[in-house]
């Protein structure tokens, strides 16, 4: 499998093992302003959408349990409100996944890559 191969060396020396950051370097990066901004960017997207989706899901479950008459209301032909809302659950799941993918590619990945590059350059300079 391609993922089982070790990463290529980062130094210009052929066959040399890549420099590994120390625990202290990881902690220093974790406490940096850049890493804090990355966490804020992630949380500002993930937490509100998670809460909104859980509320939407619980609304569907509660309506299914306690508002059977409403959920059984015909919308078109044999399609009722319960079916429409149930399919809406799938739709919102895929929508959230797509939105997160875009958010990660546009906002999170560039910030994470900058942190990674900075950490690698520090590690190579110290090696």
C-alpha atoms as a PDB file:
ATOM      1  CA  UNK A   1       0.000   0.000   0.000  1.00  0.00           C
ATOM      2  CA  UNK A   2       1.333   3.450  -0.848  1.00  0.00           C
ATOM      3  CA  UNK A   3       0.669   4.800   2.641  1.00  0.00           C
ATOM      4  CA  UNK A   4       2.927   2.157   4.217  1.00  0.00           C
ATOM      5  CA  UNK A   5       6.060   3.620   2.656  1.00  0.00           C
ATOM      6  CA  UNK A   6       8.190   5.863   4.865  1.00  0.00           C
ATOM      7  CA  UNK A   7       8.198   9.561   3.971  1.00  0.00           C
ATOM      8  CA  UNK A   8      10.982  10.714   1.650  1.00  0.00           C
ATOM      9  CA  UNK A   9      13.962  12.425   3.289  1.00  0.00           C
ATOM     10  CA  UNK A  10      13.549  16.180   3.666  1.00  0.00           C
ATOM     11  CA  UNK A  11      17.245  16.970   3.579  1.00  0.00           C
ATOM     12  CA  UNK A  12      19.475  17.109   0.526  1.00  0.00           C
ATOM     13  CA  UNK A  13      21.552  14.241   1.887  1.00  0.00           C
ATOM     14  CA  UNK A  14      20.469  11.069   0.074  1.00  0.00           C
ATOM     15  CA  UNK A  15      19.101   8.404   2.409  1.00  0.00           C
ATOM     16  CA  UNK A  16      19.340  10.534   5.555  1.00  0.00           C
ATOM     17  CA  UNK A  17      16.474  10.209   8.013  1.00  0.00           C
ATOM     18  CA  UNK A  18      14.251  13.276   8.216  1.00  0.00           C
ATOM     19  CA  UNK A  19      14.696  15.482  11.243  1.00  0.00           C
ATOM     20  CA  UNK A  20      12.035  14.892  13.889  1.00  0.00           C
ATOM     21  CA  UNK A  21      10.606  17.718  16.002  1.00  0.00           C
ATOM     22  CA  UNK A  22      11.010  17.397  19.748  1.00  0.00           C
ATOM     23  CA  UNK A  23       8.136  17.372  22.196  1.00  0.00           C
ATOM     24  CA  UNK A  24       9.082  20.893  23.248  1.00  0.00           C
ATOM     25  CA  UNK A  25       8.839  22.082  19.641  1.00  0.00           C
ATOM     26  CA  UNK A  26       5.375  20.545  19.296  1.00  0.00           C
ATOM     27  CA  UNK A  27       4.229  22.220  22.513  1.00  0.00           C
ATOM     28  CA  UNK A  28       5.688  25.551  21.378  1.00  0.00           C
ATOM     29  CA  UNK A  29       3.807  25.349  18.068  1.00  0.00           C
ATOM     30  CA  UNK A  30       0.614  24.283  19.837  1.00  0.00           C
ATOM     31  CA  UNK A  31       0.805  27.387  22.027  1.00  0.00           C
ATOM     32  CA  UNK A  32       1.549  29.728  19.104  1.00  0.00           C
ATOM     33  CA  UNK A  33      -0.870  32.359  17.835  1.00  0.00           C
ATOM     34  CA  UNK A  34      -0.957  30.698  14.400  1.00  0.00           C
ATOM     35  CA  UNK A  35      -2.079  27.373  15.864  1.00  0.00           C
ATOM     36  CA  UNK A  36      -4.658  29.176  18.009  1.00  0.00           C
ATOM     37  CA  UNK A  37      -6.017  30.855  14.880  1.00  0.00           C
ATOM     38  CA  UNK A  38      -6.210  27.480  13.129  1.00  0.00           C
ATOM     39  CA  UNK A  39      -8.208  26.064  16.050  1.00  0.00           C
ATOM     40  CA  UNK A  40     -10.529  29.097  16.061  1.00  0.00           C
ATOM     41  CA  UNK A  41     -11.083  28.797  12.318  1.00  0.00           C
ATOM     42  CA  UNK A  42     -11.958  25.103  12.681  1.00  0.00           C
ATOM     43  CA  UNK A  43     -14.179  25.569  15.721  1.00  0.00           C
ATOM     44  CA  UNK A  44     -16.041  28.554  14.286  1.00  0.00           C
ATOM     45  CA  UNK A  45     -17.166  26.307  11.448  1.00  0.00           C
ATOM     46  CA  UNK A  46     -17.530  22.879  13.055  1.00  0.00           C
ATOM     47  CA  UNK A  47     -19.262  23.706  16.349  1.00  0.00           C
ATOM     48  CA  UNK A  48     -22.174  25.800  14.998  1.00  0.00           C
ATOM     49  CA  UNK A  49     -22.895  23.324  12.211  1.00  0.00           C
ATOM     50  CA  UNK A  50     -22.715  20.393  14.606  1.00  0.00           C
ATOM     51  CA  UNK A  51     -25.154  22.034  17.017  1.00  0.00           C
ATOM     52  CA  UNK A  52     -27.481  23.025  14.168  1.00  0.00           C
ATOM     53  CA  UNK A  53     -27.467  19.533  12.684  1.00  0.00           C
ATOM     54  CA  UNK A  54     -28.083  17.834  16.041  1.00  0.00           C
ATOM     55  CA  UNK A  55     -30.980  20.226  16.719  1.00  0.00           C
ATOM     56  CA  UNK A  56     -32.399  19.525  13.251  1.00  0.00           C
ATOM     57  CA  UNK A  57     -32.045  15.761  13.789  1.00  0.00           C
ATOM     58  CA  UNK A  58     -33.668  15.900  17.239  1.00  0.00           C
ATOM     59  CA  UNK A  59     -36.517  17.976  15.813  1.00  0.00           C
ATOM     60  CA  UNK A  60     -37.103  15.237  13.234  1.00  0.00           C
ATOM     61  CA  UNK A  61     -37.063  12.520  15.924  1.00  0.00           C
ATOM     62  CA  UNK A  62     -39.383  14.480  18.233  1.00  0.00           C
ATOM     63  CA  UNK A  63     -41.816  15.244  15.420  1.00  0.00           C
ATOM     64  CA  UNK A  64     -41.790  11.568  14.435  1.00  0.00           C
ATOM     65  CA  UNK A  65     -42.616  10.532  18.003  1.00  0.00           C
ATOM     66  CA  UNK A  66     -45.044  13.228  19.098  1.00  0.00           C
ATOM     67  CA  UNK A  67     -46.524  14.765  15.940  1.00  0.00           C
ATOM     68  CA  UNK A  68     -47.586  11.721  13.957  1.00  0.00           C
ATOM     69  CA  UNK A  69     -50.528  13.521  12.428  1.00  0.00           C
ATOM     70  CA  UNK A  70     -48.323  16.314  11.110  1.00  0.00           C
ATOM     71  CA  UNK A  71     -45.644  13.924   9.873  1.00  0.00           C
ATOM     72  CA  UNK A  72     -48.306  11.860   8.084  1.00  0.00           C
ATOM     73  CA  UNK A  73     -49.628  14.875   6.193  1.00  0.00           C
ATOM     74  CA  UNK A  74     -49.531  14.181   2.454  1.00  0.00           C
ATOM     75  CA  UNK A  75     -47.418  16.601   0.440  1.00  0.00           C
ATOM     76  CA  UNK A  76     -47.739  15.109  -3.061  1.00  0.00           C
ATOM     77  CA  UNK A  77     -49.326  11.748  -3.802  1.00  0.00           C
ATOM     78  CA  UNK A  78     -48.031   9.213  -1.275  1.00  0.00           C
ATOM     79  CA  UNK A  79     -45.153  11.459  -0.205  1.00  0.00           C
ATOM     80  CA  UNK A  80     -45.697  12.807   3.302  1.00  0.00           C
ATOM     81  CA  UNK A  81     -43.916  15.322   5.529  1.00  0.00           C
ATOM     82  CA  UNK A  82     -41.977  12.553   7.329  1.00  0.00           C
ATOM     83  CA  UNK A  83     -40.444  11.337   4.071  1.00  0.00           C
ATOM     84  CA  UNK A  84     -39.547  14.861   2.970  1.00  0.00           C
ATOM     85  CA  UNK A  85     -37.906  15.659   6.334  1.00  0.00           C
ATOM     86  CA  UNK A  86     -36.158  12.258   6.405  1.00  0.00           C
ATOM     87  CA  UNK A  87     -34.678  12.838   2.969  1.00  0.00           C
ATOM     88  CA  UNK A  88     -33.758  16.329   4.170  1.00  0.00           C
ATOM     89  CA  UNK A  89     -31.581  14.672   6.809  1.00  0.00           C
ATOM     90  CA  UNK A  90     -29.540  12.982   4.082  1.00  0.00           C
ATOM     91  CA  UNK A  91     -29.398  16.153   2.031  1.00  0.00           C
ATOM     92  CA  UNK A  92     -28.112  18.233   4.956  1.00  0.00           C
ATOM     93  CA  UNK A  93     -25.520  15.555   5.807  1.00  0.00           C
ATOM     94  CA  UNK A  94     -24.085  15.709   2.296  1.00  0.00           C
ATOM     95  CA  UNK A  95     -24.350  19.501   2.236  1.00  0.00           C
ATOM     96  CA  UNK A  96     -22.431  19.851   5.500  1.00  0.00           C
ATOM     97  CA  UNK A  97     -19.747  17.422   4.276  1.00  0.00           C
ATOM     98  CA  UNK A  98     -19.362  19.412   1.059  1.00  0.00           C
ATOM     99  CA  UNK A  99     -19.258  22.741   2.912  1.00  0.00           C
ATOM    100  CA  UNK A 100     -16.648  21.393   5.329  1.00  0.00           C
ATOM    101  CA  UNK A 101     -14.540  20.087   2.459  1.00  0.00           C
ATOM    102  CA  UNK A 102     -14.559  23.537   0.845  1.00  0.00           C
ATOM    103  CA  UNK A 103     -13.875  25.257   4.176  1.00  0.00           C
ATOM    104  CA  UNK A 104     -10.960  22.935   4.927  1.00  0.00           C
ATOM    105  CA  UNK A 105      -9.441  23.363   1.468  1.00  0.00           C
ATOM    106  CA  UNK A 106      -9.801  27.156   1.470  1.00  0.00           C
ATOM    107  CA  UNK A 107      -9.108  28.063   5.091  1.00  0.00           C
ATOM    108  CA  UNK A 108      -7.774  25.214   7.226  1.00  0.00           C
ATOM    109  CA  UNK A 109      -5.331  23.536   4.859  1.00  0.00           C
ATOM    110  CA  UNK A 110      -3.400  26.732   4.000  1.00  0.00           C
ATOM    111  CA  UNK A 111      -3.078  27.623   7.705  1.00  0.00           C
ATOM    112  CA  UNK A 112      -2.018  24.083   8.612  1.00  0.00           C
ATOM    113  CA  UNK A 113       0.482  23.982   5.746  1.00  0.00           C
ATOM    114  CA  UNK A 114       2.041  27.273   6.885  1.00  0.00           C
ATOM    115  CA  UNK A 115       2.416  25.897  10.424  1.00  0.00           C
ATOM    116  CA  UNK A 116       3.893  22.666   9.051  1.00  0.00           C
ATOM    117  CA  UNK A 117       6.387  24.524   6.842  1.00  0.00           C
ATOM    118  CA  UNK A 118       7.460  26.716   9.753  1.00  0.00           C
ATOM    119  CA  UNK A 119       7.913  23.694  11.991  1.00  0.00           C
ATOM    120  CA  UNK A 120       9.876  21.795   9.359  1.00  0.00           C
ATOM    121  CA  UNK A 121      12.163  24.749   8.703  1.00  0.00           C
ATOM    122  CA  UNK A 122      12.839  25.101  12.439  1.00  0.00           C
ATOM    123  CA  UNK A 123      13.579  21.397  12.738  1.00  0.00           C
ATOM    124  CA  UNK A 124      15.902  21.382   9.711  1.00  0.00           C
ATOM    125  CA  UNK A 125      17.712  24.492  10.969  1.00  0.00           C
ATOM    126  CA  UNK A 126      18.230  22.878  14.354  1.00  0.00           C
ATOM    127  CA  UNK A 127      19.451  19.556  12.895  1.00  0.00           C
END
